[in-house]
């Protein structure tokens, strides 16, 4: 809702998004290239600075360095879904 968005924009210094399901909602539950910058995927629309904390349990993600993705793939075939790996992302948000 626009009133919540405006309230977050005006009064929220930092929002935390925690958990796999909330992270997927943040990304629109869409399949992004894993190396797509979090700032490009989320930062352009989120109304305030945001930090996302997530244990990987679904094949939806972004903001991961290609080398780290390749390393995870080599270590574990189920790396995106078994909860062994996680991510922490930050974006300054849209600030408009």
N, C-alpha and C. Protein backbone atom coordinates (compact mmCIF):
# COMPACT_ATOMS: atom_id res chain seq x y z
N UNK A 1 0.83 -1.21 0.00
CA UNK A 1 0.00 0.00 0.00
C UNK A 1 0.87 1.26 0.00
N UNK A 2 0.40 2.28 -0.66
CA UNK A 2 1.18 3.51 -0.80
C UNK A 2 1.43 4.21 0.54
N UNK A 3 0.47 4.12 1.49
CA UNK A 3 0.69 4.77 2.78
C UNK A 3 1.82 4.10 3.57
N UNK A 4 1.93 2.77 3.49
CA UNK A 4 3.02 2.05 4.14
C UNK A 4 4.35 2.39 3.47
N UNK A 5 4.33 2.42 2.17
CA UNK A 5 5.54 2.78 1.41
C UNK A 5 6.03 4.18 1.81
N UNK A 6 5.13 5.12 1.89
CA UNK A 6 5.49 6.50 2.27
C UNK A 6 6.00 6.54 3.70
N UNK A 7 5.36 5.80 4.59
CA UNK A 7 5.78 5.76 5.99
C UNK A 7 7.21 5.19 6.11
N UNK A 8 7.48 4.10 5.38
CA UNK A 8 8.82 3.51 5.42
C UNK A 8 9.85 4.49 4.86
N UNK A 9 9.49 5.17 3.80
CA UNK A 9 10.39 6.12 3.16
C UNK A 9 10.75 7.26 4.11
N UNK A 10 9.77 7.72 4.87
CA UNK A 10 9.97 8.86 5.76
C UNK A 10 10.58 8.49 7.10
N UNK A 11 10.25 7.30 7.63
CA UNK A 11 10.62 7.01 9.02
C UNK A 11 11.55 5.82 9.23
N UNK A 12 11.81 5.06 8.19
CA UNK A 12 12.61 3.85 8.37
C UNK A 12 14.05 4.08 7.91
N UNK A 13 14.99 3.92 8.84
CA UNK A 13 16.41 4.07 8.50
C UNK A 13 16.98 2.82 7.87
N UNK A 14 16.43 1.67 8.23
CA UNK A 14 16.89 0.39 7.69
C UNK A 14 15.85 -0.69 7.96
N UNK A 15 15.44 -1.38 6.92
CA UNK A 15 14.51 -2.50 7.06
C UNK A 15 15.30 -3.80 6.92
N UNK A 16 14.98 -4.77 7.76
CA UNK A 16 15.59 -6.09 7.65
C UNK A 16 14.56 -7.06 7.10
N UNK A 17 14.96 -7.83 6.11
CA UNK A 17 14.13 -8.88 5.54
C UNK A 17 14.84 -10.19 5.87
N UNK A 18 14.16 -11.07 6.59
CA UNK A 18 14.80 -12.30 7.05
C UNK A 18 14.03 -13.51 6.54
N UNK A 19 14.79 -14.50 6.12
CA UNK A 19 14.19 -15.78 5.76
C UNK A 19 14.02 -15.97 4.27
N UNK A 20 13.99 -17.23 3.89
CA UNK A 20 13.92 -17.60 2.48
C UNK A 20 12.64 -17.12 1.80
N UNK A 21 11.50 -17.35 2.43
CA UNK A 21 10.22 -16.97 1.80
C UNK A 21 10.12 -15.45 1.63
N UNK A 22 10.53 -14.69 2.63
CA UNK A 22 10.49 -13.23 2.53
C UNK A 22 11.47 -12.72 1.49
N UNK A 23 12.64 -13.35 1.40
CA UNK A 23 13.63 -12.97 0.39
C UNK A 23 13.06 -13.22 -1.02
N UNK A 24 12.42 -14.36 -1.20
CA UNK A 24 11.83 -14.66 -2.51
C UNK A 24 10.75 -13.64 -2.86
N UNK A 25 9.95 -13.24 -1.89
CA UNK A 25 8.95 -12.19 -2.14
C UNK A 25 9.62 -10.89 -2.56
N UNK A 26 10.73 -10.56 -1.89
CA UNK A 26 11.48 -9.34 -2.20
C UNK A 26 11.93 -9.34 -3.66
N UNK A 27 12.30 -10.51 -4.19
CA UNK A 27 12.74 -10.66 -5.57
C UNK A 27 11.58 -10.96 -6.51
N UNK A 28 10.36 -10.90 -6.03
CA UNK A 28 9.18 -11.17 -6.85
C UNK A 28 9.04 -12.63 -7.20
N UNK A 29 9.75 -13.49 -6.47
CA UNK A 29 9.77 -14.94 -6.74
C UNK A 29 10.09 -15.23 -8.20
N UNK A 30 10.96 -14.38 -8.77
CA UNK A 30 11.38 -14.52 -10.16
C UNK A 30 12.79 -15.09 -10.22
N UNK A 31 13.11 -15.71 -11.33
CA UNK A 31 14.45 -16.26 -11.52
C UNK A 31 15.36 -15.21 -12.14
N UNK A 32 16.29 -14.70 -11.33
CA UNK A 32 17.27 -13.71 -11.78
C UNK A 32 18.58 -14.44 -12.04
N UNK A 33 19.41 -13.85 -12.86
CA UNK A 33 20.79 -14.34 -12.97
C UNK A 33 21.38 -14.16 -11.57
N UNK A 34 22.04 -15.19 -11.06
CA UNK A 34 22.57 -15.12 -9.70
C UNK A 34 23.53 -13.96 -9.51
N UNK A 35 24.16 -13.50 -10.57
CA UNK A 35 25.11 -12.40 -10.45
C UNK A 35 24.46 -11.02 -10.64
N UNK A 36 23.17 -10.98 -10.92
CA UNK A 36 22.48 -9.68 -11.03
C UNK A 36 22.62 -8.94 -9.70
N UNK A 37 23.07 -7.70 -9.71
CA UNK A 37 23.26 -6.97 -8.46
C UNK A 37 21.95 -6.80 -7.68
N UNK A 38 22.01 -7.05 -6.39
CA UNK A 38 20.86 -6.88 -5.51
C UNK A 38 20.32 -5.45 -5.62
N UNK A 39 21.21 -4.49 -5.72
CA UNK A 39 20.83 -3.09 -5.85
C UNK A 39 19.95 -2.88 -7.10
N UNK A 40 20.27 -3.54 -8.19
CA UNK A 40 19.48 -3.41 -9.42
C UNK A 40 18.14 -4.12 -9.32
N UNK A 41 18.11 -5.24 -8.62
CA UNK A 41 16.89 -6.04 -8.52
C UNK A 41 15.91 -5.44 -7.51
N UNK A 42 16.41 -5.03 -6.35
CA UNK A 42 15.56 -4.57 -5.26
C UNK A 42 15.67 -3.06 -5.02
N UNK A 43 16.87 -2.54 -5.15
CA UNK A 43 17.12 -1.14 -4.78
C UNK A 43 16.31 -0.12 -5.53
N UNK A 44 15.93 -0.43 -6.75
CA UNK A 44 15.19 0.57 -7.54
C UNK A 44 13.76 0.76 -7.06
N UNK A 45 13.20 -0.17 -6.29
CA UNK A 45 11.80 -0.03 -5.86
C UNK A 45 11.60 0.01 -4.35
N UNK A 46 12.54 -0.54 -3.56
CA UNK A 46 12.31 -0.59 -2.12
C UNK A 46 12.40 0.82 -1.54
N UNK A 47 11.46 1.23 -0.69
CA UNK A 47 11.35 2.63 -0.29
C UNK A 47 12.40 3.15 0.70
N UNK A 48 13.20 2.26 1.27
CA UNK A 48 14.19 2.68 2.25
C UNK A 48 15.38 1.71 2.19
N UNK A 49 16.47 2.02 2.88
CA UNK A 49 17.57 1.06 2.91
C UNK A 49 17.08 -0.30 3.44
N UNK A 50 17.63 -1.37 2.87
CA UNK A 50 17.17 -2.72 3.22
C UNK A 50 18.35 -3.68 3.32
N UNK A 51 18.28 -4.54 4.32
CA UNK A 51 19.25 -5.62 4.49
C UNK A 51 18.48 -6.93 4.46
N UNK A 52 18.88 -7.83 3.58
CA UNK A 52 18.20 -9.12 3.45
C UNK A 52 19.13 -10.23 3.95
N UNK A 53 18.62 -11.06 4.85
CA UNK A 53 19.35 -12.19 5.41
C UNK A 53 18.62 -13.46 4.99
N UNK A 54 19.35 -14.40 4.41
CA UNK A 54 18.66 -15.57 3.86
C UNK A 54 19.54 -16.81 3.83
N UNK A 55 18.98 -17.93 4.25
CA UNK A 55 19.57 -19.23 4.02
C UNK A 55 18.96 -19.75 2.72
N UNK A 56 19.79 -20.19 1.79
CA UNK A 56 19.30 -20.61 0.47
C UNK A 56 18.51 -21.92 0.57
N UNK A 57 17.23 -21.84 0.18
CA UNK A 57 16.35 -23.01 0.21
C UNK A 57 15.48 -23.09 -1.04
N UNK A 58 15.73 -22.23 -2.01
CA UNK A 58 14.99 -22.23 -3.28
C UNK A 58 15.90 -21.66 -4.35
N UNK A 59 15.65 -22.00 -5.58
CA UNK A 59 16.53 -21.60 -6.68
C UNK A 59 16.23 -20.20 -7.20
N UNK A 60 16.02 -19.28 -6.28
CA UNK A 60 15.80 -17.88 -6.60
C UNK A 60 16.88 -17.10 -5.88
N UNK A 61 17.59 -16.24 -6.60
CA UNK A 61 18.63 -15.47 -5.94
C UNK A 61 19.24 -14.44 -6.86
N UNK A 62 20.02 -13.55 -6.28
CA UNK A 62 20.76 -12.54 -7.02
C UNK A 62 21.89 -12.05 -6.15
N UNK A 63 22.71 -11.16 -6.69
CA UNK A 63 23.75 -10.52 -5.92
C UNK A 63 24.89 -11.40 -5.47
N UNK A 64 25.10 -12.52 -6.16
CA UNK A 64 26.17 -13.45 -5.79
C UNK A 64 27.29 -13.38 -6.81
N UNK A 65 28.51 -13.34 -6.34
CA UNK A 65 29.66 -13.32 -7.24
C UNK A 65 29.75 -14.64 -8.00
N UNK A 66 30.03 -14.57 -9.28
CA UNK A 66 30.10 -15.77 -10.13
C UNK A 66 31.06 -16.82 -9.57
N UNK A 67 32.21 -16.37 -9.07
CA UNK A 67 33.20 -17.31 -8.54
C UNK A 67 32.65 -18.07 -7.34
N UNK A 68 31.89 -17.38 -6.49
CA UNK A 68 31.32 -18.03 -5.31
C UNK A 68 30.20 -18.99 -5.71
N UNK A 69 29.44 -18.64 -6.72
CA UNK A 69 28.39 -19.53 -7.23
C UNK A 69 29.03 -20.81 -7.78
N UNK A 70 30.08 -20.65 -8.57
CA UNK A 70 30.78 -21.82 -9.13
C UNK A 70 31.37 -22.69 -8.03
N UNK A 71 31.95 -22.05 -7.02
CA UNK A 71 32.52 -22.81 -5.89
C UNK A 71 31.43 -23.61 -5.17
N UNK A 72 30.31 -22.97 -4.91
CA UNK A 72 29.20 -23.65 -4.24
C UNK A 72 28.68 -24.82 -5.08
N UNK A 73 28.58 -24.61 -6.39
CA UNK A 73 28.12 -25.68 -7.29
C UNK A 73 29.06 -26.88 -7.23
N UNK A 74 30.37 -26.61 -7.16
CA UNK A 74 31.35 -27.68 -7.11
C UNK A 74 31.36 -28.40 -5.76
N UNK A 75 31.00 -27.69 -4.71
CA UNK A 75 30.98 -28.30 -3.37
C UNK A 75 29.73 -29.13 -3.11
N UNK A 76 28.62 -28.71 -3.71
CA UNK A 76 27.33 -29.31 -3.34
C UNK A 76 26.33 -29.14 -4.48
N UNK A 77 25.86 -30.25 -5.04
CA UNK A 77 24.88 -30.20 -6.14
C UNK A 77 23.57 -29.53 -5.74
N UNK A 78 23.23 -29.58 -4.48
CA UNK A 78 21.96 -29.04 -3.97
C UNK A 78 22.17 -27.71 -3.25
N UNK A 79 23.21 -26.99 -3.59
CA UNK A 79 23.62 -25.79 -2.86
C UNK A 79 22.54 -24.73 -2.75
N UNK A 80 21.66 -24.64 -3.72
CA UNK A 80 20.61 -23.60 -3.68
C UNK A 80 19.39 -23.99 -2.86
N UNK A 81 19.28 -25.25 -2.49
CA UNK A 81 18.03 -25.69 -1.86
C UNK A 81 18.18 -26.38 -0.51
N UNK A 82 19.39 -26.71 -0.09
CA UNK A 82 19.50 -27.50 1.14
C UNK A 82 19.82 -26.70 2.40
N UNK A 83 19.95 -25.40 2.30
CA UNK A 83 20.19 -24.58 3.48
C UNK A 83 21.63 -24.53 3.95
N UNK A 84 22.54 -25.10 3.20
CA UNK A 84 23.96 -25.10 3.59
C UNK A 84 24.59 -23.72 3.40
N UNK A 85 24.11 -22.96 2.44
CA UNK A 85 24.67 -21.65 2.13
C UNK A 85 23.64 -20.56 2.39
N UNK A 86 24.14 -19.35 2.55
CA UNK A 86 23.25 -18.22 2.78
C UNK A 86 23.83 -16.95 2.19
N UNK A 87 23.04 -15.90 2.22
CA UNK A 87 23.49 -14.60 1.71
C UNK A 87 23.03 -13.49 2.65
N UNK A 88 23.79 -12.40 2.62
CA UNK A 88 23.42 -11.16 3.28
C UNK A 88 23.57 -10.07 2.22
N UNK A 89 22.51 -9.35 1.96
CA UNK A 89 22.54 -8.30 0.94
C UNK A 89 22.12 -6.96 1.56
N UNK A 90 22.62 -5.90 0.96
CA UNK A 90 22.23 -4.55 1.39
C UNK A 90 21.96 -3.68 0.16
N UNK A 91 20.95 -2.85 0.28
CA UNK A 91 20.68 -1.84 -0.75
C UNK A 91 20.27 -0.55 -0.04
N UNK A 92 20.66 0.56 -0.62
CA UNK A 92 20.24 1.83 -0.04
C UNK A 92 18.79 2.17 -0.36
N UNK A 93 18.12 1.34 -1.19
CA UNK A 93 16.73 1.57 -1.53
C UNK A 93 16.58 2.67 -2.57
N UNK A 94 15.36 2.97 -2.91
CA UNK A 94 15.10 3.95 -3.96
C UNK A 94 15.39 5.38 -3.53
N UNK A 95 15.18 5.68 -2.26
CA UNK A 95 15.45 7.02 -1.70
C UNK A 95 14.95 8.16 -2.57
N UNK A 96 13.79 7.96 -3.18
CA UNK A 96 13.22 9.02 -4.03
C UNK A 96 12.02 9.63 -3.36
